[in-house]
């Protein structure tokens, strides 16, 4: 029980010097990468840059204790920072004490929601966001994030959390472009893109692939160091270039959430959406990397790990945190073996916060905007949209609607629309389940669709395969299907419902089966079931349906075919029902 809620007890007893060495090396690399990203993502949320560093210390220790992934790197993330800024801007003015207090409250509330979901094993709620919806959300968010930083890139005072607002504010302030700031920003973008494309060239020069990847990942840190040096040497702040400025050189202060119930109420939905989106991205990434090392994670415990990390972020005056894609991949490639690598990286960030913050005084805001833009553009995934459009128009429509509403109304509206469309499409599809009349492939015990294969069939026996679980949304559709079948084939004496794909029969569907049984009885047609799964049969035995069933329950379609096509009387339903069934 302790290991279930404290996964650190699984790996800590076997921690050795070799593992320590691997984790320490990975921590150094991740620390160097975290610093520019954390500063940039805090600014994206409308918070002081130092808040990003605060959110990269204590949460990593919390995840090391409660998280199950050996390589997931916790911290601020572009999408979550955008959602945070959108939520907080409705409550307080960016830069004010109330704004920071609201950010702490949002992180605390997100942590409570995730932790409670984990304790009550509610991780399945995240399944309501389909992959096309998540991909559309990320793509649209990438556009929003990049567009939101164009003003900072050009030294313009403009903001907004929808694409229309951002572009209109940007166009209305074009006459205020600060050209030295724009030059710094464009140079930063160019250098970052150069680093991103330098991997093949470095390999061609004989640099080992692992070293080439390491140098590419350090690109943002190099750009930050270079632009900070230029800004300091040329005294660009004296010429109007905005810089980070004085950053407190101390550990995070204690964060105290707001005591205003109205703030908690206003942040409840944003906290829930941030938690679900962060959980989906974090778990998908953690599962993918765990599979490469033949490890496993617990989604419900990951909820607790992410929840406690957000509570820790709130208590250390940080913003909401999740698993970061870029930092996690770097952590994995650098050889991290346990969550201790994250804790060591947190120590590195803490040392930077204590002793090195004066070095980022002259860091240009335009450079941080460039880092965000280049990172955000990687979220845009047109390939998934094309593939989804070719495969399923319905899923593609949900994806496009998510993109459109995210761009027009913001991330929250996009998520709600995506979830609603995903659930709506599921209900529509399952409310009209596919069914097929099947016949026997000659010489075998296999049965296939009579319209797709050359099969043997009988005019007296209708073998109807139902390819969906039966529940309230499709119960009436099943009735119409069976009644239509009997009406079109008056010579039918037996209808066999093949339930090999039926994993559930709810109360509404049971009533429909009872109605079908009575209606067919009045028409001198016998109803039978075949291939009923064990759990479904267990539920049916708790009702009186089997007692009133006019036909029998067969273990296989072949058994039903053999008994009924020659008109022989099948075995009694009670005898077949007592036979052992598949309980898997």
Protein backbone atom coordinates (compact mmCIF):
# COMPACT_ATOMS: atom_id res chain seq x y z
CA UNK A 1 0.00 0.00 0.00
CA UNK A 2 2.85 2.40 0.80
CA UNK A 3 4.56 1.69 -2.54
CA UNK A 4 1.30 2.33 -4.34
CA UNK A 5 1.03 5.89 -3.03
CA UNK A 6 4.78 6.50 -2.60
CA UNK A 7 6.48 5.09 -5.72
CA UNK A 8 9.82 6.41 -4.46
CA UNK A 9 9.90 3.34 -2.20
CA UNK A 10 10.18 1.13 -5.29
CA UNK A 11 13.39 2.58 -6.72
CA UNK A 12 15.12 4.26 -3.78
CA UNK A 13 16.21 1.06 -1.94
CA UNK A 14 18.15 -0.09 -5.03
CA UNK A 15 19.69 3.29 -5.78
CA UNK A 16 23.43 2.89 -6.43
CA UNK A 17 26.43 4.92 -7.52
CA UNK A 18 25.99 4.16 -11.22
CA UNK A 19 22.37 5.30 -11.15
CA UNK A 20 23.42 8.41 -9.26
CA UNK A 21 25.97 9.23 -11.94
CA UNK A 22 23.41 8.82 -14.76
CA UNK A 23 20.82 10.94 -12.96
CA UNK A 24 23.35 13.67 -12.13
CA UNK A 25 24.50 14.00 -15.74
CA UNK A 26 20.89 14.19 -16.97
CA UNK A 27 20.11 16.77 -14.28
CA UNK A 28 22.92 19.08 -15.40
CA UNK A 29 21.70 18.98 -19.00
CA UNK A 30 18.05 19.53 -18.05
CA UNK A 31 18.96 22.38 -15.70
CA UNK A 32 20.70 24.24 -18.50
CA UNK A 33 17.62 23.79 -20.66
CA UNK A 34 15.08 24.64 -17.97
CA UNK A 35 16.36 28.14 -17.20
CA UNK A 36 15.48 29.95 -20.46
CA UNK A 37 12.24 27.99 -20.89
CA UNK A 38 11.03 28.62 -17.36
CA UNK A 39 11.69 32.35 -17.65
CA UNK A 40 9.93 32.53 -21.01
CA UNK A 41 6.85 30.52 -19.99
CA UNK A 42 6.33 32.64 -16.88
CA UNK A 43 6.25 35.75 -19.07
CA UNK A 44 3.83 34.00 -21.43
CA UNK A 45 1.46 33.59 -18.46
CA UNK A 46 1.80 37.29 -17.66
CA UNK A 47 3.88 36.62 -14.53
CA UNK A 48 7.34 37.82 -13.48
CA UNK A 49 10.10 35.74 -15.05
CA UNK A 50 11.36 34.51 -11.66
CA UNK A 51 8.04 32.69 -11.11
CA UNK A 52 9.07 30.23 -13.81
CA UNK A 53 12.17 29.33 -11.80
CA UNK A 54 10.09 29.02 -8.62
CA UNK A 55 7.84 26.54 -10.41
CA UNK A 56 10.88 24.45 -11.39
CA UNK A 57 12.15 23.67 -7.89
CA UNK A 58 9.75 22.27 -5.30
CA UNK A 59 7.36 20.58 -7.79
CA UNK A 60 10.23 18.38 -9.03
CA UNK A 61 10.87 17.13 -5.49
CA UNK A 62 7.17 16.36 -5.05
CA UNK A 63 7.04 14.38 -8.29
CA UNK A 64 10.15 12.41 -7.31
CA UNK A 65 8.19 11.15 -4.28
CA UNK A 66 4.75 10.59 -5.82
CA UNK A 67 5.32 10.11 -9.57
CA UNK A 68 5.67 6.74 -11.30
CA UNK A 69 7.54 7.77 -14.45
CA UNK A 70 11.31 7.43 -14.24
CA UNK A 71 11.99 10.17 -16.80
CA UNK A 72 9.07 12.66 -16.85
CA UNK A 73 10.34 16.22 -16.31
CA UNK A 74 7.87 18.48 -14.49
CA UNK A 75 7.70 22.23 -14.99
CA UNK A 76 5.98 25.10 -16.82
CA UNK A 77 4.71 24.33 -20.33
CA UNK A 78 3.75 26.66 -23.18
CA UNK A 79 0.12 25.56 -23.53
CA UNK A 80 -0.54 25.54 -19.80
CA UNK A 81 1.09 28.96 -19.46
CA UNK A 82 -1.19 30.29 -22.19
CA UNK A 83 -4.25 28.82 -20.44
CA UNK A 84 -3.02 30.26 -17.15
CA UNK A 85 -2.68 33.75 -18.59
CA UNK A 86 -6.11 33.54 -20.23
CA UNK A 87 -7.72 32.50 -16.94
CA UNK A 88 -5.93 35.03 -14.74
CA UNK A 89 -6.53 37.97 -17.08
CA UNK A 90 -10.26 37.66 -16.35
CA UNK A 91 -9.63 38.11 -12.63
CA UNK A 92 -6.80 40.60 -12.11
CA UNK A 93 -4.46 42.96 -13.93
CA UNK A 94 -1.20 41.35 -15.11
CA UNK A 95 1.71 42.43 -12.95
CA UNK A 96 -0.39 43.14 -9.88
CA UNK A 97 -0.17 41.33 -6.54
CA UNK A 98 -3.71 40.04 -7.08
CA UNK A 99 -2.60 38.50 -10.38
CA UNK A 100 0.22 36.57 -8.69
CA UNK A 101 -2.10 35.51 -5.89
CA UNK A 102 -4.59 34.24 -8.47
CA UNK A 103 -1.81 32.26 -10.17
CA UNK A 104 -0.93 30.63 -6.85
CA UNK A 105 -4.60 29.85 -6.28
CA UNK A 106 -4.92 28.35 -9.77
CA UNK A 107 -1.92 26.07 -9.22
CA UNK A 108 -3.23 25.04 -5.79
CA UNK A 109 -6.72 24.33 -7.12
CA UNK A 110 -5.32 22.37 -10.08
CA UNK A 111 -3.27 20.31 -7.66
CA UNK A 112 -6.25 19.55 -5.43
CA UNK A 113 -8.39 18.49 -8.41
CA UNK A 114 -5.71 16.20 -9.83
CA UNK A 115 -4.90 14.66 -6.47
CA UNK A 116 -8.55 13.92 -5.71
CA UNK A 117 -9.02 12.44 -9.18
CA UNK A 118 -6.06 10.17 -8.52
CA UNK A 119 -7.31 9.07 -5.09
CA UNK A 120 -10.74 8.26 -6.53
CA UNK A 121 -9.22 6.62 -9.66
CA UNK A 122 -10.85 9.03 -12.08
CA UNK A 123 -8.08 9.04 -14.66
CA UNK A 124 -10.50 7.70 -17.25
CA UNK A 125 -12.09 11.16 -17.51
CA UNK A 126 -9.11 12.19 -19.61
CA UNK A 127 -10.23 9.70 -22.27
CA UNK A 128 -12.99 12.10 -23.27
CA UNK A 129 -10.36 14.10 -25.14
CA UNK A 130 -9.67 12.14 -28.31
CA UNK A 131 -6.29 12.26 -30.01
CA UNK A 132 -7.55 14.38 -32.97
CA UNK A 133 -9.01 16.88 -30.49
CA UNK A 134 -5.75 17.04 -28.51
CA UNK A 135 -3.77 17.43 -31.72
CA UNK A 136 -6.08 20.21 -32.90
CA UNK A 137 -5.83 21.91 -29.53
CA UNK A 138 -2.05 21.81 -29.59
CA UNK A 139 -1.87 23.07 -33.18
CA UNK A 140 -4.21 25.98 -32.53
CA UNK A 141 -2.42 26.75 -29.28
CA UNK A 142 0.87 26.83 -31.13
CA UNK A 143 -0.52 29.51 -33.42
CA UNK A 144 -1.97 31.45 -30.47
CA UNK A 145 1.24 31.25 -28.47
CA UNK A 146 3.39 32.36 -31.38
CA UNK A 147 1.01 35.21 -32.24
CA UNK A 148 0.91 36.36 -28.61
CA UNK A 149 4.68 36.89 -28.64
CA UNK A 150 4.88 38.95 -31.83
CA UNK A 151 4.24 42.10 -29.83
CA UNK A 152 7.10 41.31 -27.43
CA UNK A 153 9.31 40.50 -30.40
CA UNK A 154 8.70 43.95 -31.83
CA UNK A 155 8.64 45.91 -28.58
CA UNK A 156 4.92 46.67 -28.87
CA UNK A 157 2.59 46.88 -25.90
CA UNK A 158 -0.25 44.65 -27.13
CA UNK A 159 -1.86 41.53 -25.74
CA UNK A 160 -4.77 39.12 -26.15
CA UNK A 161 -5.71 35.46 -25.82
CA UNK A 162 -7.60 34.96 -29.08
CA UNK A 163 -6.10 35.22 -32.53
CA UNK A 164 -8.43 38.01 -33.63
CA UNK A 165 -7.63 40.09 -30.54
CA UNK A 166 -3.92 39.52 -30.88
CA UNK A 167 -3.79 40.45 -34.56
CA UNK A 168 -6.03 43.48 -34.19
CA UNK A 169 -3.98 44.80 -31.25
CA UNK A 170 -0.78 44.15 -33.16
CA UNK A 171 -1.99 45.95 -36.30
CA UNK A 172 -3.22 48.93 -34.31
CA UNK A 173 0.23 49.37 -32.73
CA UNK A 174 2.43 48.85 -35.79
CA UNK A 175 3.49 52.48 -35.70
CA UNK A 176 5.04 51.82 -32.28
CA UNK A 177 7.53 49.18 -33.41
CA UNK A 178 10.80 49.53 -31.55
CA UNK A 179 13.40 48.68 -34.17
CA UNK A 180 16.33 47.77 -31.89
CA UNK A 181 14.02 45.38 -30.02
CA UNK A 182 12.81 43.91 -33.30
CA UNK A 183 16.39 43.40 -34.43
CA UNK A 184 17.20 41.54 -31.19
CA UNK A 185 14.07 39.43 -31.55
CA UNK A 186 14.60 38.50 -35.21
CA UNK A 187 18.25 37.70 -34.58
CA UNK A 188 17.21 35.43 -31.71
CA UNK A 189 14.65 33.65 -33.89
CA UNK A 190 17.22 33.18 -36.63
CA UNK A 191 19.83 31.74 -34.27
CA UNK A 192 17.31 29.41 -32.64
CA UNK A 193 16.20 28.09 -36.02
CA UNK A 194 19.83 27.69 -37.02
CA UNK A 195 20.47 25.55 -33.95
CA UNK A 196 17.38 23.46 -34.63
CA UNK A 197 18.62 22.65 -38.13
CA UNK A 198 22.26 22.20 -37.17
CA UNK A 199 22.07 18.52 -36.25
CA UNK A 200 22.76 17.12 -39.77
CA UNK A 201 25.60 19.59 -40.31
CA UNK A 202 27.23 18.71 -36.98
CA UNK A 203 27.01 15.01 -37.78
CA UNK A 204 28.54 15.68 -41.19
CA UNK A 205 31.45 17.37 -39.44
CA UNK A 206 32.10 14.21 -37.48
CA UNK A 207 30.36 15.13 -34.23
CA UNK A 208 28.87 12.10 -32.55
CA UNK A 209 25.04 11.95 -32.78
CA UNK A 210 24.61 12.14 -29.01
CA UNK A 211 26.92 15.14 -28.73
CA UNK A 212 25.22 16.80 -31.70
CA UNK A 213 21.82 16.42 -30.05
CA UNK A 214 23.24 17.85 -26.82
CA UNK A 215 24.59 20.93 -28.60
CA UNK A 216 21.30 21.48 -30.40
CA UNK A 217 19.35 21.28 -27.13
CA UNK A 218 21.63 23.91 -25.62
CA UNK A 219 20.80 26.33 -28.43
CA UNK A 220 18.36 28.44 -26.37
CA UNK A 221 20.88 28.79 -23.55
CA UNK A 222 23.56 29.94 -26.00
CA UNK A 223 21.17 32.48 -27.56
CA UNK A 224 20.21 33.77 -24.11
CA UNK A 225 23.87 34.18 -23.13
CA UNK A 226 24.77 35.89 -26.41
CA UNK A 227 21.87 38.33 -26.49
CA UNK A 228 22.25 39.16 -22.80
CA UNK A 229 25.94 39.95 -23.39
CA UNK A 230 25.14 42.13 -26.41
CA UNK A 231 22.41 43.95 -24.50
CA UNK A 232 24.78 44.59 -21.59
CA UNK A 233 27.75 45.64 -23.74
CA UNK A 234 25.73 48.00 -25.93
CA UNK A 235 23.63 49.32 -23.04
CA UNK A 236 20.50 48.58 -25.05
CA UNK A 237 18.16 49.20 -22.07
CA UNK A 238 19.24 52.81 -22.32
CA UNK A 239 17.92 52.79 -25.88
CA UNK A 240 14.49 51.45 -24.95
CA UNK A 241 15.04 47.68 -25.19
CA UNK A 242 13.00 45.89 -22.51
CA UNK A 243 14.97 43.47 -20.34
CA UNK A 244 14.12 41.10 -17.49
CA UNK A 245 15.64 43.53 -14.98
CA UNK A 246 16.30 42.87 -11.33
CA UNK A 247 15.38 39.34 -10.29
CA UNK A 248 15.17 38.42 -6.58
CA UNK A 249 18.10 36.22 -5.62
CA UNK A 250 16.43 34.05 -3.01
CA UNK A 251 14.51 30.81 -2.75
CA UNK A 252 10.77 30.86 -3.45
CA UNK A 253 8.67 32.56 -0.76
CA UNK A 254 5.70 30.77 0.73
CA UNK A 255 2.71 31.03 -1.57
CA UNK A 256 -0.67 31.63 0.03
CA UNK A 257 -3.79 31.05 -2.13
CA UNK A 258 -6.52 33.67 -2.23
CA UNK A 259 -9.09 33.69 0.55
CA UNK A 260 -11.76 35.12 -1.77
CA UNK A 261 -14.39 32.42 -2.58
CA UNK A 262 -15.21 34.28 -5.79
CA UNK A 263 -11.68 33.78 -7.10
CA UNK A 264 -11.86 30.06 -6.35
CA UNK A 265 -15.20 29.83 -8.14
CA UNK A 266 -13.92 31.69 -11.20
CA UNK A 267 -10.80 29.50 -11.41
CA UNK A 268 -12.52 26.14 -10.90
CA UNK A 269 -13.22 25.39 -14.58
CA UNK A 270 -9.80 26.66 -15.82
CA UNK A 271 -8.11 24.54 -13.14
CA UNK A 272 -10.05 21.46 -14.23
CA UNK A 273 -9.21 22.01 -17.91
CA UNK A 274 -5.54 22.71 -17.18
CA UNK A 275 -5.38 19.57 -15.07
CA UNK A 276 -6.98 17.34 -17.70
CA UNK A 277 -4.92 18.70 -20.60
CA UNK A 278 -1.72 18.48 -18.58
CA UNK A 279 -2.55 14.96 -17.42
CA UNK A 280 -3.26 13.73 -20.95
CA UNK A 281 -0.03 15.12 -22.35
CA UNK A 282 2.05 13.98 -19.38
CA UNK A 283 0.70 10.43 -19.26
CA UNK A 284 0.93 9.91 -23.02
CA UNK A 285 4.56 11.03 -22.96
CA UNK A 286 5.39 9.01 -19.84
CA UNK A 287 3.81 5.85 -21.26
CA UNK A 288 5.65 6.19 -24.55
CA UNK A 289 9.06 6.54 -22.90
CA UNK A 290 8.32 3.89 -20.26
CA UNK A 291 7.50 1.39 -23.01
CA UNK A 292 10.95 1.91 -24.55
CA UNK A 293 12.56 0.67 -21.33
CA UNK A 294 9.92 -1.97 -20.60
CA UNK A 295 8.72 -0.05 -17.59
CA UNK A 296 5.19 0.83 -16.61
CA UNK A 297 3.40 3.77 -15.06
CA UNK A 298 0.15 4.05 -13.14
CA UNK A 299 -2.17 6.70 -14.65
CA UNK A 300 -4.10 7.13 -11.40
CA UNK A 301 -0.88 7.56 -9.41
CA UNK A 302 0.34 10.00 -12.07
CA UNK A 303 -2.67 12.11 -11.22
CA UNK A 304 -1.47 12.19 -7.62
CA UNK A 305 2.09 12.93 -8.74
CA UNK A 306 0.99 15.84 -10.92
CA UNK A 307 -1.46 17.02 -8.28
CA UNK A 308 1.10 17.16 -5.48
CA UNK A 309 3.54 18.85 -7.87
CA UNK A 310 1.03 21.63 -8.50
CA UNK A 311 0.31 21.98 -4.79
CA UNK A 312 4.07 22.26 -4.24
CA UNK A 313 4.26 24.88 -6.99
CA UNK A 314 1.51 26.90 -5.33
CA UNK A 315 3.19 26.71 -1.94
CA UNK A 316 6.40 28.01 -3.54
CA UNK A 317 4.69 30.92 -5.36
CA UNK A 318 4.72 29.18 -8.74
CA UNK A 319 2.27 28.63 -11.59
CA UNK A 320 0.58 25.38 -12.76
CA UNK A 321 3.05 22.72 -13.92
CA UNK A 322 2.82 19.55 -16.03
CA UNK A 323 5.14 17.14 -17.77
CA UNK A 324 7.17 19.05 -20.35
CA UNK A 325 7.65 17.36 -23.72
CA UNK A 326 10.98 18.92 -24.64
CA UNK A 327 12.56 18.61 -21.20
CA UNK A 328 11.32 15.04 -20.75
CA UNK A 329 12.80 13.91 -24.06
CA UNK A 330 16.12 15.56 -23.15
CA UNK A 331 15.99 13.94 -19.71
CA UNK A 332 15.36 10.53 -21.29
CA UNK A 333 18.07 10.90 -23.94
CA UNK A 334 20.55 12.12 -21.33
CA UNK A 335 20.20 8.82 -19.51
CA UNK A 336 18.03 9.65 -16.49
CA UNK A 337 17.22 6.44 -14.61
CA UNK A 338 14.94 7.62 -11.79
CA UNK A 339 12.89 10.67 -10.75
CA UNK A 340 15.90 11.67 -8.67
CA UNK A 341 17.23 13.29 -11.86
CA UNK A 342 14.37 15.78 -11.58
CA UNK A 343 15.20 16.44 -7.94
CA UNK A 344 18.86 17.07 -8.85
CA UNK A 345 17.72 19.44 -11.63
CA UNK A 346 15.60 21.26 -9.04
CA UNK A 347 18.73 21.71 -6.91
CA UNK A 348 20.48 23.18 -9.95
CA UNK A 349 17.64 25.63 -10.57
CA UNK A 350 17.67 26.56 -6.88
CA UNK A 351 21.39 27.36 -7.05
CA UNK A 352 20.81 29.48 -10.15
CA UNK A 353 17.98 31.30 -8.38
CA UNK A 354 20.18 31.98 -5.37
CA UNK A 355 23.44 33.02 -6.99
CA UNK A 356 23.13 33.63 -10.74
CA UNK A 357 20.02 35.77 -11.19
CA UNK A 358 22.11 38.97 -11.60
CA UNK A 359 23.41 37.46 -14.85
CA UNK A 360 19.95 37.60 -16.44
CA UNK A 361 19.32 41.26 -15.57
CA UNK A 362 20.08 42.29 -19.17
CA UNK A 363 18.25 39.36 -20.80
CA UNK A 364 16.04 40.94 -23.53
CA UNK A 365 12.32 40.23 -23.35
CA UNK A 366 12.43 39.88 -27.15
CA UNK A 367 14.80 36.92 -26.82
CA UNK A 368 12.41 35.16 -24.45
CA UNK A 369 9.60 35.90 -26.91
CA UNK A 370 11.70 34.32 -29.66
CA UNK A 371 12.24 31.19 -27.56
CA UNK A 372 8.48 30.89 -27.03
CA UNK A 373 7.71 31.43 -30.73
CA UNK A 374 10.17 28.84 -31.98
CA UNK A 375 9.01 26.34 -29.36
CA UNK A 376 5.31 27.00 -30.06
CA UNK A 377 5.64 26.48 -33.79
CA UNK A 378 6.68 22.87 -33.16
CA UNK A 379 3.19 22.24 -31.73
CA UNK A 380 1.54 22.81 -35.12
CA UNK A 381 0.78 19.39 -36.60
CA UNK A 382 -0.69 19.57 -40.10
CA UNK A 383 0.24 15.97 -40.84
CA UNK A 384 -2.22 14.61 -38.27
CA UNK A 385 -4.99 16.79 -39.72
CA UNK A 386 -4.39 15.42 -43.23
CA UNK A 387 -4.21 11.83 -42.00
CA UNK A 388 -7.37 12.22 -39.90
CA UNK A 389 -9.25 13.83 -42.80
CA UNK A 390 -8.41 10.89 -45.06
CA UNK A 391 -9.44 8.36 -42.42
CA UNK A 392 -12.51 9.86 -40.75
CA UNK A 393 -14.46 12.97 -41.70
CA UNK A 394 -16.15 13.00 -38.29
CA UNK A 395 -12.88 13.05 -36.33
CA UNK A 396 -11.47 15.62 -38.73
CA UNK A 397 -14.55 17.81 -38.19
CA UNK A 398 -14.03 17.63 -34.42
CA UNK A 399 -10.39 18.53 -34.90
CA UNK A 400 -11.19 21.50 -37.17
CA UNK A 401 -13.88 22.75 -34.78
CA UNK A 402 -11.40 22.58 -31.91
CA UNK A 403 -8.86 24.55 -33.93
CA UNK A 404 -11.39 27.16 -35.04
CA UNK A 405 -12.88 27.76 -31.60
CA UNK A 406 -9.48 27.80 -29.91
CA UNK A 407 -8.29 30.48 -32.30
CA UNK A 408 -11.52 32.48 -32.13
CA UNK A 409 -12.58 32.09 -28.48
CA UNK A 410 -9.55 30.77 -26.61
CA UNK A 411 -8.20 27.48 -25.34
CA UNK A 412 -11.03 26.77 -22.87
CA UNK A 413 -13.70 27.10 -25.55
CA UNK A 414 -11.66 24.85 -27.84
CA UNK A 415 -11.35 22.14 -25.19
CA UNK A 416 -15.04 22.23 -24.30
CA UNK A 417 -16.04 22.11 -27.97
CA UNK A 418 -13.61 19.29 -28.68
CA UNK A 419 -14.85 17.21 -25.76
CA UNK A 420 -18.47 17.87 -26.69
CA UNK A 421 -17.92 16.91 -30.32
CA UNK A 422 -15.96 13.79 -29.40
CA UNK A 423 -18.71 12.59 -27.07
CA UNK A 424 -21.38 13.56 -29.61
CA UNK A 425 -19.65 11.64 -32.40
CA UNK A 426 -19.27 8.61 -30.15
CA UNK A 427 -22.94 8.66 -29.21
CA UNK A 428 -23.96 9.08 -32.86
CA UNK A 429 -21.79 6.20 -34.05
CA UNK A 430 -22.77 3.80 -31.29
CA UNK A 431 -26.44 4.77 -31.54
CA UNK A 432 -26.45 3.23 -35.01
CA UNK A 433 -24.38 0.08 -34.47
CA UNK A 434 -23.17 -1.87 -37.44
CA UNK A 435 -24.89 -5.22 -37.85
CA UNK A 436 -24.58 -7.90 -40.49
CA UNK A 437 -26.39 -11.00 -41.61
CA UNK A 438 -23.77 -13.71 -41.68
CA UNK A 439 -23.46 -17.12 -43.26
CA UNK A 440 -21.10 -20.05 -42.97
CA UNK A 441 -17.99 -20.19 -45.09
CA UNK A 442 -18.25 -23.65 -46.73
CA UNK A 443 -16.23 -26.34 -44.99
CA UNK A 444 -15.41 -24.22 -41.93
CA UNK A 445 -16.90 -23.06 -38.66
CA UNK A 446 -16.37 -19.40 -39.58
CA UNK A 447 -19.20 -16.99 -40.37
CA UNK A 448 -18.94 -13.83 -42.43
CA UNK A 449 -21.16 -11.10 -43.92
CA UNK A 450 -23.35 -12.57 -46.66
CA UNK A 451 -22.85 -9.40 -48.76
CA UNK A 452 -19.05 -9.61 -48.63
CA UNK A 453 -18.31 -13.32 -48.92
CA UNK A 454 -19.51 -16.46 -50.64
CA UNK A 455 -21.25 -18.22 -47.77
CA UNK A 456 -23.93 -20.78 -46.98
CA UNK A 457 -27.16 -19.43 -45.53
CA UNK A 458 -30.63 -20.64 -44.66
CA UNK A 459 -33.93 -18.97 -45.42
CA UNK A 460 -35.31 -20.19 -42.10
CA UNK A 461 -32.43 -18.97 -39.90
CA UNK A 462 -31.21 -15.35 -39.69
CA UNK A 463 -27.79 -15.04 -38.07
CA UNK A 464 -27.50 -11.36 -37.12
CA UNK A 465 -24.15 -10.20 -35.76
CA UNK A 466 -24.32 -7.06 -33.58
CA UNK A 467 -20.99 -5.17 -33.67
CA UNK A 468 -21.49 -2.89 -30.68
CA UNK A 469 -22.34 -3.01 -27.01
CA UNK A 470 -26.05 -2.50 -26.35
CA UNK A 471 -27.09 0.49 -24.25
CA UNK A 472 -29.75 3.17 -24.05
CA UNK A 473 -28.58 5.09 -27.12
CA UNK A 474 -28.90 2.16 -29.55
CA UNK A 475 -31.54 -0.01 -27.90
CA UNK A 476 -34.36 1.30 -30.08
CA UNK A 477 -32.17 1.04 -33.19
CA UNK A 478 -31.66 -2.67 -32.43
CA UNK A 479 -35.42 -3.17 -32.22
CA UNK A 480 -35.95 -1.47 -35.58
CA UNK A 481 -33.18 -3.56 -37.15
CA UNK A 482 -34.63 -6.87 -35.99
CA UNK A 483 -38.22 -5.95 -36.85
CA UNK A 484 -37.14 -4.76 -40.30
CA UNK A 485 -35.25 -8.01 -40.89
CA UNK A 486 -38.26 -10.15 -40.02
CA UNK A 487 -40.58 -7.99 -42.12
CA UNK A 488 -38.34 -8.30 -45.19
CA UNK A 489 -37.93 -12.08 -44.78
CA UNK A 490 -41.31 -13.58 -43.75
CA UNK A 491 -39.94 -17.11 -44.18
CA UNK A 492 -37.65 -16.71 -41.15
CA UNK A 493 -38.38 -19.01 -38.18
CA UNK A 494 -35.30 -18.30 -36.08
CA UNK A 495 -33.35 -15.13 -35.34
CA UNK A 496 -29.95 -15.58 -33.71
CA UNK A 497 -28.32 -12.49 -32.23
CA UNK A 498 -24.55 -13.04 -32.32
CA UNK A 499 -23.14 -11.16 -29.33
CA UNK A 500 -19.41 -11.70 -29.83
CA UNK A 501 -18.83 -7.92 -29.96
CA UNK A 502 -21.26 -7.09 -27.15
CA UNK A 503 -19.41 -6.16 -23.95
CA UNK A 504 -22.38 -4.59 -22.18
CA UNK A 505 -26.16 -4.81 -22.09
CA UNK A 506 -27.62 -2.07 -19.92
CA UNK A 507 -31.12 -1.89 -18.46
CA UNK A 508 -32.56 -0.04 -21.48
CA UNK A 509 -31.11 -2.58 -23.89
CA UNK A 510 -32.42 -5.42 -21.72
CA UNK A 511 -35.93 -4.00 -22.01
CA UNK A 512 -35.49 -3.82 -25.78
CA UNK A 513 -34.40 -7.47 -25.88
CA UNK A 514 -37.46 -8.41 -23.86
CA UNK A 515 -39.67 -6.45 -26.27
CA UNK A 516 -37.99 -8.12 -29.27
CA UNK A 517 -38.52 -11.53 -27.69
CA UNK A 518 -42.26 -10.90 -27.19
CA UNK A 519 -42.76 -9.32 -30.61
CA UNK A 520 -41.02 -12.20 -32.40
CA UNK A 521 -43.00 -14.70 -30.33
CA UNK A 522 -46.22 -13.12 -31.60
CA UNK A 523 -44.83 -13.50 -35.14
CA UNK A 524 -44.03 -17.20 -34.58
CA UNK A 525 -40.30 -16.46 -34.70
CA UNK A 526 -37.91 -17.80 -32.09
CA UNK A 527 -35.18 -15.57 -30.65
CA UNK A 528 -31.76 -17.05 -29.80
CA UNK A 529 -28.48 -15.66 -28.52
CA UNK A 530 -24.99 -16.87 -29.39
CA UNK A 531 -21.44 -16.21 -28.19
CA UNK A 532 -22.54 -14.23 -25.13
CA UNK A 533 -19.51 -13.18 -23.09
CA UNK A 534 -19.19 -14.29 -19.50
CA UNK A 535 -19.66 -10.89 -17.81
CA UNK A 536 -22.69 -10.16 -20.00
CA UNK A 537 -24.20 -13.57 -19.20
CA UNK A 538 -23.61 -12.95 -15.49
CA UNK A 539 -25.71 -9.78 -15.75
CA UNK A 540 -28.45 -11.53 -17.73
CA UNK A 541 -28.70 -14.24 -15.07
CA UNK A 542 -29.64 -11.54 -12.56
CA UNK A 543 -32.77 -10.85 -14.61
CA UNK A 544 -35.65 -13.06 -15.71
CA UNK A 545 -34.90 -12.55 -19.42
CA UNK A 546 -33.36 -16.01 -19.89
CA UNK A 547 -36.44 -17.63 -18.31
CA UNK A 548 -38.75 -16.01 -20.87
CA UNK A 549 -36.42 -16.33 -23.87
CA UNK A 550 -38.28 -18.28 -26.54
CA UNK A 551 -35.09 -19.75 -27.94
CA UNK A 552 -31.73 -20.81 -26.59
CA UNK A 553 -28.32 -19.44 -25.69
CA UNK A 554 -25.60 -21.06 -27.82
CA UNK A 555 -21.91 -21.12 -27.01
CA UNK A 556 -21.01 -20.53 -30.66
CA UNK A 557 -22.58 -19.41 -33.91
CA UNK A 558 -21.64 -22.76 -35.42
CA UNK A 559 -23.58 -24.58 -32.71
CA UNK A 560 -26.66 -22.46 -33.46
CA UNK A 561 -26.24 -23.04 -37.20
CA UNK A 562 -25.89 -26.81 -36.78
CA UNK A 563 -28.96 -27.07 -34.56
CA UNK A 564 -31.35 -24.71 -36.30
CA UNK A 565 -30.78 -25.08 -40.05
CA UNK A 566 -32.05 -28.70 -40.02
CA UNK A 567 -34.93 -27.92 -37.74
CA UNK A 568 -33.64 -30.07 -34.85
CA UNK A 569 -34.67 -29.06 -31.37
CA UNK A 570 -31.69 -27.44 -29.64
CA UNK A 571 -30.60 -28.15 -26.09
CA UNK A 572 -32.51 -26.43 -23.32
CA UNK A 573 -31.46 -22.88 -22.57
CA UNK A 574 -30.90 -23.72 -18.91
CA UNK A 575 -28.51 -26.50 -19.87
CA UNK A 576 -26.51 -24.26 -22.17
CA UNK A 577 -26.67 -21.40 -19.70
CA UNK A 578 -25.04 -23.53 -17.01
CA UNK A 579 -22.13 -24.37 -19.29
CA UNK A 580 -18.86 -22.55 -18.55
CA UNK A 581 -18.59 -19.34 -20.53
CA UNK A 582 -15.66 -17.11 -21.40
CA UNK A 583 -15.18 -14.68 -18.50
CA UNK A 584 -12.49 -12.62 -20.17
